[in-house]
Amino acid sequence: MAEKKEKNDISKIKSEKEMLIEEARLKIEKQFGKGSLMKLGENPKMDIKVIPSGCILLDEALGVGGYPQGRVIEIYGPESSGKTTLALQAVAQSQKMGGVAAFIDAEHALDPVYAKRIGVDINELWISQPDSGEQA
């Protein structure tokens, strides 16, 4: 008998919790629009436009076939590991497809000659050189 009561209590808590979650979801959708909050598995096949990296293995590793368009991409790694080269290759690929790119040069070390050699149209590249990480 006690086991049945415990199951009922758990079901009641679960349904109250689900109700609160649903209320929160509806409020968020009302404020930010339909589809602004969803479960990750609800739409497993998303059509994401990508910019190919130029490297088939990297495109495969990224999981969507390249760099997702319209998203901020952060490249992280130790010094001299190829972060700038990878970023400039992404910029060049984006520009080849008619895209616009911005580069945040936190180290104030971007070499325009090197960027041009990689294929970047330096006259069309937006650049920011912040004084600190907070400004970036």
C-alpha atoms as a PDB file:
ATOM      1  CA  MET A   1       0.000   0.000   0.000  1.00  0.00           C
ATOM      2  CA  ALA A   2       2.826   2.388   0.892  1.00  0.00           C
ATOM      3  CA  GLU A   3       4.516   1.591  -2.431  1.00  0.00           C
ATOM      4  CA  LYS A   4       1.375   2.596  -4.383  1.00  0.00           C
ATOM      5  CA  LYS A   5       1.120   5.900  -2.482  1.00  0.00           C
ATOM      6  CA  GLU A   6       4.796   6.600  -3.194  1.00  0.00           C
ATOM      7  CA  LYS A   7       4.257   6.015  -6.942  1.00  0.00           C
ATOM      8  CA  ASN A   8       1.253   8.362  -6.910  1.00  0.00           C
ATOM      9  CA  ASP A   9       3.305  11.034  -5.128  1.00  0.00           C
ATOM     10  CA  ILE A  10       6.110  10.689  -7.675  1.00  0.00           C
ATOM     11  CA  SER A  11       3.631  10.907 -10.583  1.00  0.00           C
ATOM     12  CA  LYS A  12       2.063  14.004  -9.051  1.00  0.00           C
ATOM     13  CA  ILE A  13       5.451  15.698  -8.622  1.00  0.00           C
ATOM     14  CA  LYS A  14       6.466  14.754 -12.158  1.00  0.00           C
ATOM     15  CA  SER A  15       3.258  16.135 -13.684  1.00  0.00           C
ATOM     16  CA  GLU A  16       3.563  19.371 -11.649  1.00  0.00           C
ATOM     17  CA  LYS A  17       7.150  19.732 -12.811  1.00  0.00           C
ATOM     18  CA  GLU A  18       6.150  19.120 -16.449  1.00  0.00           C
ATOM     19  CA  MET A  19       3.364  21.692 -16.087  1.00  0.00           C
ATOM     20  CA  LEU A  20       5.815  24.302 -14.779  1.00  0.00           C
ATOM     21  CA  ILE A  21       8.250  23.555 -17.594  1.00  0.00           C
ATOM     22  CA  GLU A  22       5.472  23.883 -20.175  1.00  0.00           C
ATOM     23  CA  GLU A  23       4.351  27.201 -18.662  1.00  0.00           C
ATOM     24  CA  ALA A  24       7.920  28.503 -18.818  1.00  0.00           C
ATOM     25  CA  ARG A  25       8.276  27.316 -22.438  1.00  0.00           C
ATOM     26  CA  LEU A  26       5.070  29.105 -23.438  1.00  0.00           C
ATOM     27  CA  LYS A  27       6.211  32.336 -21.771  1.00  0.00           C
ATOM     28  CA  ILE A  28       9.567  32.157 -23.554  1.00  0.00           C
ATOM     29  CA  GLU A  29       7.900  31.476 -26.909  1.00  0.00           C
ATOM     30  CA  LYS A  30       5.472  34.346 -26.343  1.00  0.00           C
ATOM     31  CA  GLN A  31       8.351  36.734 -25.676  1.00  0.00           C
ATOM     32  CA  PHE A  32      10.905  35.442 -28.200  1.00  0.00           C
ATOM     33  CA  GLY A  33       8.848  33.604 -30.825  1.00  0.00           C
ATOM     34  CA  LYS A  34       7.865  30.042 -31.673  1.00  0.00           C
ATOM     35  CA  GLY A  35      10.766  27.628 -31.765  1.00  0.00           C
ATOM     36  CA  SER A  36      12.987  29.737 -29.507  1.00  0.00           C
ATOM     37  CA  LEU A  37      13.062  26.886 -26.987  1.00  0.00           C
ATOM     38  CA  MET A  38      12.911  23.207 -27.844  1.00  0.00           C
ATOM     39  CA  LYS A  39      14.370  19.871 -26.901  1.00  0.00           C
ATOM     40  CA  LEU A  40      17.500  19.040 -28.840  1.00  0.00           C
ATOM     41  CA  GLY A  41      16.076  15.782 -30.186  1.00  0.00           C
ATOM     42  CA  GLU A  42      12.811  17.337 -31.456  1.00  0.00           C
ATOM     43  CA  ASN A  43      14.370  18.405 -34.742  1.00  0.00           C
ATOM     44  CA  PRO A  44      17.328  16.076 -35.245  1.00  0.00           C
ATOM     45  CA  LYS A  45      17.768  16.856 -38.942  1.00  0.00           C
ATOM     46  CA  MET A  46      18.517  20.529 -39.163  1.00  0.00           C
ATOM     47  CA  ASP A  47      19.346  22.133 -42.490  1.00  0.00           C
ATOM     48  CA  ILE A  48      22.417  24.159 -41.576  1.00  0.00           C
ATOM     49  CA  LYS A  49      24.122  26.215 -44.255  1.00  0.00           C
ATOM     50  CA  VAL A  50      27.866  25.786 -44.015  1.00  0.00           C
ATOM     51  CA  ILE A  51      31.100  27.217 -45.319  1.00  0.00           C
ATOM     52  CA  PRO A  52      33.405  24.357 -46.326  1.00  0.00           C
ATOM     53  CA  SER A  53      36.759  24.557 -44.555  1.00  0.00           C
ATOM     54  CA  GLY A  54      38.644  23.276 -47.577  1.00  0.00           C
ATOM     55  CA  CYS A  55      39.671  20.186 -45.595  1.00  0.00           C
ATOM     56  CA  ILE A  56      37.391  17.166 -45.965  1.00  0.00           C
ATOM     57  CA  LEU A  57      38.516  15.636 -42.656  1.00  0.00           C
ATOM     58  CA  LEU A  58      37.841  18.865 -40.744  1.00  0.00           C
ATOM     59  CA  ASP A  59      34.430  19.268 -42.387  1.00  0.00           C
ATOM     60  CA  GLU A  60      33.614  15.702 -41.333  1.00  0.00           C
ATOM     61  CA  ALA A  61      34.833  16.321 -37.774  1.00  0.00           C
ATOM     62  CA  LEU A  62      32.699  19.458 -37.477  1.00  0.00           C
ATOM     63  CA  GLY A  63      29.659  17.243 -37.999  1.00  0.00           C
ATOM     64  CA  VAL A  64      27.764  19.488 -40.419  1.00  0.00           C
ATOM     65  CA  GLY A  65      30.163  19.596 -43.370  1.00  0.00           C
ATOM     66  CA  GLY A  66      31.965  22.842 -42.597  1.00  0.00           C
ATOM     67  CA  TYR A  67      31.645  25.977 -40.515  1.00  0.00           C
ATOM     68  CA  PRO A  68      27.998  26.817 -39.741  1.00  0.00           C
ATOM     69  CA  GLN A  69      27.038  30.105 -41.401  1.00  0.00           C
ATOM     70  CA  GLY A  70      25.806  32.993 -39.312  1.00  0.00           C
ATOM     71  CA  ARG A  71      27.381  31.695 -36.123  1.00  0.00           C
ATOM     72  CA  VAL A  72      30.276  32.902 -34.020  1.00  0.00           C
ATOM     73  CA  ILE A  73      33.157  30.476 -34.313  1.00  0.00           C
ATOM     74  CA  GLU A  74      35.771  30.405 -31.565  1.00  0.00           C
ATOM     75  CA  ILE A  75      39.089  28.724 -32.236  1.00  0.00           C
ATOM     76  CA  TYR A  76      41.060  27.844 -29.131  1.00  0.00           C
ATOM     77  CA  GLY A  77      44.474  26.307 -28.666  1.00  0.00           C
ATOM     78  CA  PRO A  78      48.055  26.816 -27.531  1.00  0.00           C
ATOM     79  CA  GLU A  79      50.380  29.380 -29.059  1.00  0.00           C
ATOM     80  CA  SER A  80      51.618  28.553 -32.576  1.00  0.00           C
ATOM     81  CA  SER A  81      49.078  25.755 -33.061  1.00  0.00           C
ATOM     82  CA  GLY A  82      47.581  27.177 -36.273  1.00  0.00           C
ATOM     83  CA  LYS A  83      44.578  29.080 -34.874  1.00  0.00           C
ATOM     84  CA  THR A  84      45.140  32.193 -37.000  1.00  0.00           C
ATOM     85  CA  THR A  85      45.792  30.179 -40.160  1.00  0.00           C
ATOM     86  CA  LEU A  86      42.625  28.144 -39.607  1.00  0.00           C
ATOM     87  CA  ALA A  87      40.609  31.308 -38.964  1.00  0.00           C
ATOM     88  CA  LEU A  88      41.990  33.062 -42.049  1.00  0.00           C
ATOM     89  CA  GLN A  89      41.218  30.016 -44.202  1.00  0.00           C
ATOM     90  CA  ALA A  90      37.629  30.158 -42.926  1.00  0.00           C
ATOM     91  CA  VAL A  91      37.493  33.872 -43.778  1.00  0.00           C
ATOM     92  CA  ALA A  92      38.834  33.217 -47.288  1.00  0.00           C
ATOM     93  CA  GLN A  93      36.296  30.425 -47.886  1.00  0.00           C
ATOM     94  CA  SER A  94      33.464  32.656 -46.670  1.00  0.00           C
ATOM     95  CA  GLN A  95      34.557  35.503 -48.926  1.00  0.00           C
ATOM     96  CA  LYS A  96      34.789  33.138 -51.932  1.00  0.00           C
ATOM     97  CA  MET A  97      31.120  32.302 -51.333  1.00  0.00           C
ATOM     98  CA  GLY A  98      30.194  36.005 -51.233  1.00  0.00           C
ATOM     99  CA  GLY A  99      30.099  36.204 -47.449  1.00  0.00           C
ATOM    100  CA  VAL A 100      31.237  38.921 -45.105  1.00  0.00           C
ATOM    101  CA  ALA A 101      33.657  38.082 -42.308  1.00  0.00           C
ATOM    102  CA  ALA A 102      34.981  39.787 -39.202  1.00  0.00           C
ATOM    103  CA  PHE A 103      38.195  38.942 -37.379  1.00  0.00           C
ATOM    104  CA  ILE A 104      38.831  39.790 -33.726  1.00  0.00           C
ATOM    105  CA  ASP A 105      42.589  40.210 -33.410  1.00  0.00           C
ATOM    106  CA  ALA A 106      43.036  40.113 -29.643  1.00  0.00           C
ATOM    107  CA  GLU A 107      46.811  39.740 -29.978  1.00  0.00           C
ATOM    108  CA  HIS A 108      47.214  42.681 -32.404  1.00  0.00           C
ATOM    109  CA  ALA A 109      49.318  40.382 -34.561  1.00  0.00           C
ATOM    110  CA  LEU A 110      47.299  39.840 -37.747  1.00  0.00           C
ATOM    111  CA  ASP A 111      49.625  40.010 -40.752  1.00  0.00           C
ATOM    112  CA  PRO A 112      47.767  41.386 -43.798  1.00  0.00           C
ATOM    113  CA  VAL A 113      50.426  40.057 -46.202  1.00  0.00           C
ATOM    114  CA  TYR A 114      50.001  36.514 -44.829  1.00  0.00           C
ATOM    115  CA  ALA A 115      46.210  36.860 -44.853  1.00  0.00           C
ATOM    116  CA  LYS A 116      46.295  37.915 -48.514  1.00  0.00           C
ATOM    117  CA  ARG A 117      48.546  34.942 -49.404  1.00  0.00           C
ATOM    118  CA  ILE A 118      46.023  32.561 -47.824  1.00  0.00           C
ATOM    119  CA  GLY A 119      43.304  34.027 -50.038  1.00  0.00           C
ATOM    120  CA  VAL A 120      41.674  36.662 -47.815  1.00  0.00           C
ATOM    121  CA  ASP A 121      40.410  39.800 -49.544  1.00  0.00           C
ATOM    122  CA  ILE A 122      41.921  42.134 -46.953  1.00  0.00           C
ATOM    123  CA  ASN A 123      40.013  45.124 -48.359  1.00  0.00           C
ATOM    124  CA  GLU A 124      36.728  43.427 -47.424  1.00  0.00           C
ATOM    125  CA  LEU A 125      37.721  41.955 -44.050  1.00  0.00           C
ATOM    126  CA  TRP A 126      36.275  43.653 -40.980  1.00  0.00           C
ATOM    127  CA  ILE A 127      38.761  43.683 -38.124  1.00  0.00           C
ATOM    128  CA  SER A 128      38.603  44.567 -34.447  1.00  0.00           C
ATOM    129  CA  GLN A 129      41.684  44.895 -32.266  1.00  0.00           C
ATOM    130  CA  PRO A 130      40.377  45.181 -28.703  1.00  0.00           C
ATOM    131  CA  ASP A 131      42.597  46.249 -25.820  1.00  0.00           C
ATOM    132  CA  SER A 132      41.295  43.472 -23.572  1.00  0.00           C
ATOM    133  CA  GLY A 133      39.348  40.237 -23.652  1.00  0.00           C
ATOM    134  CA  GLU A 134      36.340  42.035 -22.183  1.00  0.00           C
ATOM    135  CA  GLN A 135      36.232  44.399 -25.164  1.00  0.00           C
ATOM    136  CA  ALA A 136      36.349  41.485 -27.587  1.00  0.00           C
END
